[in-house]
């Protein structure tokens, strides 16, 4: 998956905010906590299960896990299983697009049927 890009400047943004009524930690310390939990859990021979109910959340978790492995912040390679049909469909489309693959009409229909 390609690195996220900074979006262009806009006058107004409208978005869904499930947890918008809460104060959140800054992103970098939260990612550090994620890596610490993954490392400690794998060190003890256990599995990490992360619920990700939204497409964007699943993509962010996958992105930060890969980044942690690439940078050495996650010490051990771990198997990652994504069990979310909408996220898998979206991820399949994004992988095709990022690889420069042309998504044919049949594949697009099949992927959209999974939503």
N, C-alpha and C. Protein backbone atom coordinates (compact mmCIF):
# COMPACT_ATOMS: atom_id res chain seq x y z
N UNK A 1 0.86 -1.16 0.00
CA UNK A 1 0.00 0.00 0.00
C UNK A 1 0.91 1.23 0.00
N UNK A 2 0.64 2.21 -0.84
CA UNK A 2 1.50 3.39 -0.89
C UNK A 2 1.37 4.23 0.37
N UNK A 3 2.41 5.02 0.65
CA UNK A 3 2.37 5.93 1.79
C UNK A 3 1.22 6.92 1.61
N UNK A 4 0.59 7.33 2.71
CA UNK A 4 -0.49 8.32 2.58
C UNK A 4 0.06 9.65 2.09
N UNK A 5 -0.73 10.34 1.32
CA UNK A 5 -0.34 11.65 0.79
C UNK A 5 -1.08 12.74 1.54
N UNK A 6 -0.47 13.90 1.66
CA UNK A 6 -1.13 15.04 2.29
C UNK A 6 -2.18 15.56 1.33
N UNK A 7 -3.43 15.65 1.79
CA UNK A 7 -4.49 16.12 0.89
C UNK A 7 -4.34 17.61 0.60
N UNK A 8 -4.94 18.07 -0.49
CA UNK A 8 -4.88 19.50 -0.82
C UNK A 8 -5.69 20.32 0.20
N UNK A 9 -5.38 21.61 0.28
CA UNK A 9 -6.12 22.49 1.18
C UNK A 9 -7.54 22.68 0.68
N UNK A 10 -8.48 22.72 1.63
CA UNK A 10 -9.89 22.91 1.30
C UNK A 10 -10.50 23.93 2.27
N UNK A 11 -11.65 24.44 1.94
CA UNK A 11 -12.35 25.38 2.81
C UNK A 11 -13.19 24.66 3.86
N UNK A 12 -13.77 23.52 3.50
CA UNK A 12 -14.67 22.80 4.39
C UNK A 12 -14.43 21.31 4.28
N UNK A 13 -14.46 20.61 5.42
CA UNK A 13 -14.34 19.16 5.43
C UNK A 13 -15.55 18.60 6.17
N UNK A 14 -16.22 17.64 5.57
CA UNK A 14 -17.35 16.95 6.20
C UNK A 14 -16.94 15.49 6.31
N UNK A 15 -17.01 14.94 7.54
CA UNK A 15 -16.59 13.55 7.72
C UNK A 15 -17.38 12.89 8.84
N UNK A 16 -17.39 11.58 8.82
CA UNK A 16 -18.00 10.79 9.88
C UNK A 16 -17.03 10.77 11.06
N UNK A 17 -17.53 10.97 12.25
CA UNK A 17 -16.66 11.02 13.42
C UNK A 17 -17.25 10.19 14.55
N UNK A 18 -17.10 8.90 14.47
CA UNK A 18 -17.62 8.00 15.49
C UNK A 18 -17.11 8.37 16.87
N UNK A 19 -15.83 8.69 16.96
CA UNK A 19 -15.23 9.00 18.26
C UNK A 19 -14.83 10.47 18.33
N UNK A 20 -15.54 11.32 17.62
CA UNK A 20 -15.19 12.74 17.56
C UNK A 20 -15.47 13.52 18.82
N UNK A 21 -16.24 12.93 19.74
CA UNK A 21 -16.57 13.65 20.98
C UNK A 21 -15.56 13.39 22.09
N UNK A 22 -14.41 12.79 21.76
CA UNK A 22 -13.41 12.44 22.77
C UNK A 22 -12.07 13.09 22.44
N UNK A 23 -11.30 13.33 23.47
CA UNK A 23 -9.93 13.80 23.28
C UNK A 23 -9.05 12.58 23.04
N UNK A 24 -8.17 12.67 22.08
CA UNK A 24 -7.31 11.54 21.74
C UNK A 24 -5.86 11.91 21.96
N UNK A 25 -5.05 10.88 22.22
CA UNK A 25 -3.60 11.08 22.30
C UNK A 25 -3.09 11.44 20.91
N UNK A 26 -1.89 11.95 20.88
CA UNK A 26 -1.26 12.21 19.60
C UNK A 26 -0.94 10.88 18.94
N UNK A 27 -0.83 10.88 17.62
CA UNK A 27 -0.68 9.65 16.86
C UNK A 27 0.64 8.92 17.16
N UNK A 28 1.74 9.66 17.18
CA UNK A 28 3.05 9.01 17.33
C UNK A 28 3.17 8.21 18.63
N UNK A 29 2.77 8.75 19.79
CA UNK A 29 2.83 7.93 21.01
C UNK A 29 1.91 6.70 20.94
N UNK A 30 0.78 6.84 20.28
CA UNK A 30 -0.15 5.71 20.15
C UNK A 30 0.46 4.60 19.30
N UNK A 31 1.16 4.98 18.24
CA UNK A 31 1.83 3.98 17.39
C UNK A 31 2.92 3.29 18.19
N UNK A 32 3.66 4.05 18.99
CA UNK A 32 4.68 3.47 19.86
C UNK A 32 4.09 2.45 20.82
N UNK A 33 2.91 2.76 21.37
CA UNK A 33 2.22 1.81 22.26
C UNK A 33 1.82 0.56 21.50
N UNK A 34 1.35 0.72 20.26
CA UNK A 34 0.98 -0.43 19.44
C UNK A 34 2.18 -1.35 19.26
N UNK A 35 3.33 -0.78 18.90
CA UNK A 35 4.53 -1.58 18.69
C UNK A 35 4.96 -2.27 19.99
N UNK A 36 4.87 -1.58 21.10
CA UNK A 36 5.24 -2.16 22.39
C UNK A 36 4.35 -3.36 22.72
N UNK A 37 3.05 -3.20 22.51
CA UNK A 37 2.12 -4.30 22.79
C UNK A 37 2.39 -5.48 21.87
N UNK A 38 2.60 -5.21 20.58
CA UNK A 38 2.88 -6.30 19.64
C UNK A 38 4.16 -7.02 20.06
N UNK A 39 5.22 -6.28 20.34
CA UNK A 39 6.50 -6.90 20.73
C UNK A 39 6.36 -7.73 22.01
N UNK A 40 5.73 -7.16 23.04
CA UNK A 40 5.58 -7.88 24.31
C UNK A 40 4.73 -9.13 24.15
N UNK A 41 3.67 -9.02 23.36
CA UNK A 41 2.78 -10.16 23.16
C UNK A 41 3.47 -11.27 22.39
N UNK A 42 4.17 -10.92 21.31
CA UNK A 42 4.87 -11.93 20.52
C UNK A 42 6.02 -12.53 21.33
N UNK A 43 6.71 -11.72 22.15
CA UNK A 43 7.78 -12.23 23.02
C UNK A 43 7.27 -13.32 23.96
N UNK A 44 6.03 -13.22 24.37
CA UNK A 44 5.44 -14.20 25.28
C UNK A 44 4.76 -15.35 24.54
N UNK A 45 4.89 -15.39 23.20
CA UNK A 45 4.33 -16.48 22.42
C UNK A 45 2.84 -16.40 22.21
N UNK A 46 2.27 -15.23 22.40
CA UNK A 46 0.83 -15.06 22.25
C UNK A 46 0.50 -14.36 20.94
N UNK A 47 -0.80 -14.22 20.69
CA UNK A 47 -1.30 -13.58 19.48
C UNK A 47 -1.91 -12.23 19.80
N UNK A 48 -1.82 -11.32 18.85
CA UNK A 48 -2.44 -10.00 18.98
C UNK A 48 -3.69 -9.99 18.11
N UNK A 49 -4.81 -9.62 18.71
CA UNK A 49 -6.06 -9.48 17.96
C UNK A 49 -6.48 -8.02 18.07
N UNK A 50 -6.63 -7.36 16.92
CA UNK A 50 -6.99 -5.95 16.88
C UNK A 50 -8.30 -5.80 16.12
N UNK A 51 -9.37 -5.45 16.80
CA UNK A 51 -10.62 -5.23 16.06
C UNK A 51 -10.53 -3.94 15.25
N UNK A 52 -10.87 -4.03 14.00
CA UNK A 52 -10.89 -2.86 13.11
C UNK A 52 -12.19 -2.95 12.33
N UNK A 53 -13.15 -2.14 12.70
CA UNK A 53 -14.49 -2.26 12.13
C UNK A 53 -14.69 -1.44 10.86
N UNK A 54 -13.81 -0.49 10.62
CA UNK A 54 -13.97 0.38 9.46
C UNK A 54 -12.83 0.15 8.49
N UNK A 55 -13.09 0.44 7.22
CA UNK A 55 -12.06 0.26 6.19
C UNK A 55 -10.82 1.08 6.51
N UNK A 56 -11.02 2.34 6.84
CA UNK A 56 -9.86 3.20 7.09
C UNK A 56 -9.06 2.72 8.29
N UNK A 57 -9.76 2.29 9.34
CA UNK A 57 -9.06 1.80 10.53
C UNK A 57 -8.24 0.56 10.21
N UNK A 58 -8.79 -0.34 9.44
CA UNK A 58 -8.05 -1.56 9.06
C UNK A 58 -6.83 -1.20 8.22
N UNK A 59 -7.00 -0.27 7.29
CA UNK A 59 -5.87 0.14 6.45
C UNK A 59 -4.78 0.81 7.29
N UNK A 60 -5.16 1.64 8.23
CA UNK A 60 -4.16 2.30 9.08
C UNK A 60 -3.39 1.30 9.91
N UNK A 61 -4.09 0.33 10.50
CA UNK A 61 -3.41 -0.69 11.30
C UNK A 61 -2.43 -1.46 10.43
N UNK A 62 -2.86 -1.89 9.24
CA UNK A 62 -1.96 -2.62 8.33
C UNK A 62 -0.76 -1.76 7.95
N UNK A 63 -1.00 -0.49 7.67
CA UNK A 63 0.08 0.42 7.29
C UNK A 63 1.11 0.54 8.42
N UNK A 64 0.63 0.77 9.65
CA UNK A 64 1.56 0.97 10.76
C UNK A 64 2.26 -0.32 11.17
N UNK A 65 1.61 -1.48 11.00
CA UNK A 65 2.30 -2.74 11.26
C UNK A 65 3.44 -2.93 10.26
N UNK A 66 3.18 -2.66 8.97
CA UNK A 66 4.23 -2.79 7.96
C UNK A 66 5.35 -1.78 8.23
N UNK A 67 5.00 -0.56 8.57
CA UNK A 67 6.01 0.45 8.85
C UNK A 67 6.86 0.03 10.05
N UNK A 68 6.22 -0.52 11.08
CA UNK A 68 6.97 -0.97 12.26
C UNK A 68 7.94 -2.09 11.93
N UNK A 69 7.52 -3.00 11.06
CA UNK A 69 8.43 -4.08 10.63
C UNK A 69 9.58 -3.52 9.80
N UNK A 70 9.27 -2.62 8.87
CA UNK A 70 10.29 -2.05 7.99
C UNK A 70 11.34 -1.26 8.78
N UNK A 71 10.91 -0.54 9.80
CA UNK A 71 11.83 0.30 10.57
C UNK A 71 12.47 -0.44 11.74
N UNK A 72 12.04 -1.68 11.98
CA UNK A 72 12.60 -2.45 13.09
C UNK A 72 11.96 -2.15 14.43
N UNK A 73 10.89 -1.37 14.44
CA UNK A 73 10.19 -1.08 15.70
C UNK A 73 9.40 -2.29 16.18
N UNK A 74 9.00 -3.16 15.25
CA UNK A 74 8.43 -4.45 15.60
C UNK A 74 9.55 -5.46 15.36
N UNK A 75 9.93 -6.16 16.43
CA UNK A 75 11.14 -6.99 16.39
C UNK A 75 10.98 -8.29 15.62
N UNK A 76 9.79 -8.85 15.58
CA UNK A 76 9.59 -10.15 14.97
C UNK A 76 8.56 -10.04 13.85
N UNK A 77 8.84 -10.75 12.76
CA UNK A 77 7.81 -10.82 11.72
C UNK A 77 6.62 -11.57 12.30
N UNK A 78 5.45 -11.10 12.03
CA UNK A 78 4.25 -11.78 12.50
C UNK A 78 3.30 -11.98 11.33
N UNK A 79 2.54 -13.04 11.38
CA UNK A 79 1.49 -13.24 10.39
C UNK A 79 0.35 -12.30 10.71
N UNK A 80 -0.21 -11.71 9.68
CA UNK A 80 -1.33 -10.79 9.86
C UNK A 80 -2.51 -11.34 9.06
N UNK A 81 -3.65 -11.45 9.72
CA UNK A 81 -4.87 -11.91 9.07
C UNK A 81 -5.89 -10.80 9.18
N UNK A 82 -6.48 -10.44 8.06
CA UNK A 82 -7.51 -9.41 8.04
C UNK A 82 -8.85 -10.09 7.78
N UNK A 83 -9.75 -9.99 8.74
CA UNK A 83 -11.07 -10.63 8.62
C UNK A 83 -12.13 -9.54 8.64
N UNK A 84 -12.28 -8.86 7.52
CA UNK A 84 -13.27 -7.79 7.40
C UNK A 84 -13.58 -7.66 5.91
N UNK A 85 -14.75 -8.11 5.51
CA UNK A 85 -15.03 -8.19 4.08
C UNK A 85 -14.97 -6.84 3.37
N UNK A 86 -15.50 -5.78 4.00
CA UNK A 86 -15.44 -4.47 3.34
C UNK A 86 -14.00 -4.00 3.21
N UNK A 87 -13.22 -4.19 4.26
CA UNK A 87 -11.82 -3.77 4.22
C UNK A 87 -11.04 -4.58 3.19
N UNK A 88 -11.31 -5.87 3.10
CA UNK A 88 -10.63 -6.71 2.11
C UNK A 88 -10.97 -6.28 0.69
N UNK A 89 -12.24 -5.98 0.45
CA UNK A 89 -12.65 -5.53 -0.87
C UNK A 89 -11.96 -4.23 -1.23
N UNK A 90 -11.98 -3.29 -0.32
CA UNK A 90 -11.35 -1.99 -0.55
C UNK A 90 -9.85 -2.16 -0.74
N UNK A 91 -9.23 -2.98 0.10
CA UNK A 91 -7.80 -3.21 0.01
C UNK A 91 -7.45 -3.86 -1.32
N UNK A 92 -8.26 -4.80 -1.79
CA UNK A 92 -8.01 -5.44 -3.08
C UNK A 92 -8.00 -4.41 -4.21
N UNK A 93 -8.97 -3.50 -4.19
CA UNK A 93 -9.02 -2.45 -5.20
C UNK A 93 -7.79 -1.54 -5.10
N UNK A 94 -7.43 -1.17 -3.87
CA UNK A 94 -6.29 -0.26 -3.69
C UNK A 94 -4.99 -0.92 -4.15
N UNK A 95 -4.82 -2.20 -3.89
CA UNK A 95 -3.61 -2.89 -4.33
C UNK A 95 -3.54 -2.91 -5.85
N UNK A 96 -4.65 -3.23 -6.50
CA UNK A 96 -4.68 -3.22 -7.97
C UNK A 96 -4.30 -1.85 -8.51
N UNK A 97 -4.89 -0.82 -7.94
CA UNK A 97 -4.63 0.54 -8.41
C UNK A 97 -3.19 0.94 -8.15
N UNK A 98 -2.68 0.64 -6.94
CA UNK A 98 -1.31 1.05 -6.61
C UNK A 98 -0.27 0.31 -7.44
N UNK A 99 -0.60 -0.90 -7.87
CA UNK A 99 0.32 -1.65 -8.73
C UNK A 99 0.18 -1.27 -10.20
N UNK A 100 -0.73 -0.35 -10.47
CA UNK A 100 -0.94 0.08 -11.84
C UNK A 100 -1.70 -0.93 -12.67
N UNK A 101 -2.38 -1.84 -11.97
CA UNK A 101 -3.16 -2.86 -12.68
C UNK A 101 -4.50 -2.28 -13.09
N UNK A 102 -4.91 -2.62 -14.25
CA UNK A 102 -6.23 -2.20 -14.72
C UNK A 102 -7.24 -3.16 -14.12
N UNK A 103 -8.21 -2.64 -13.43
CA UNK A 103 -9.25 -3.47 -12.82
C UNK A 103 -10.32 -3.69 -13.87
N UNK A 104 -10.47 -4.93 -14.31
CA UNK A 104 -11.47 -5.18 -15.35
C UNK A 104 -12.88 -5.12 -14.77
N UNK A 105 -13.83 -4.97 -15.64
CA UNK A 105 -15.23 -4.77 -15.22
C UNK A 105 -15.73 -5.94 -14.38
N UNK A 106 -15.39 -7.18 -14.76
CA UNK A 106 -15.86 -8.36 -14.03
C UNK A 106 -15.32 -8.35 -12.61
N UNK A 107 -14.02 -8.08 -12.46
CA UNK A 107 -13.41 -8.06 -11.12
C UNK A 107 -14.03 -6.95 -10.28
N UNK A 108 -14.22 -5.79 -10.87
CA UNK A 108 -14.81 -4.68 -10.14
C UNK A 108 -16.21 -5.04 -9.64
N UNK A 109 -17.01 -5.66 -10.48
CA UNK A 109 -18.36 -6.07 -10.08
C UNK A 109 -18.28 -7.08 -8.94
N UNK A 110 -17.39 -8.05 -9.04
CA UNK A 110 -17.25 -9.07 -8.00
C UNK A 110 -16.80 -8.45 -6.68
N UNK A 111 -15.87 -7.53 -6.73
CA UNK A 111 -15.40 -6.88 -5.50
C UNK A 111 -16.52 -6.04 -4.87
N UNK A 112 -17.25 -5.31 -5.71
CA UNK A 112 -18.33 -4.47 -5.18
C UNK A 112 -19.48 -5.29 -4.63
N UNK A 113 -19.69 -6.50 -5.17
CA UNK A 113 -20.73 -7.39 -4.65
C UNK A 113 -20.44 -7.80 -3.21
N UNK A 114 -19.17 -7.81 -2.84
CA UNK A 114 -18.78 -8.22 -1.48
C UNK A 114 -19.11 -7.14 -0.45
N UNK A 115 -19.33 -5.92 -0.89
CA UNK A 115 -19.65 -4.85 0.05
C UNK A 115 -21.03 -5.05 0.53
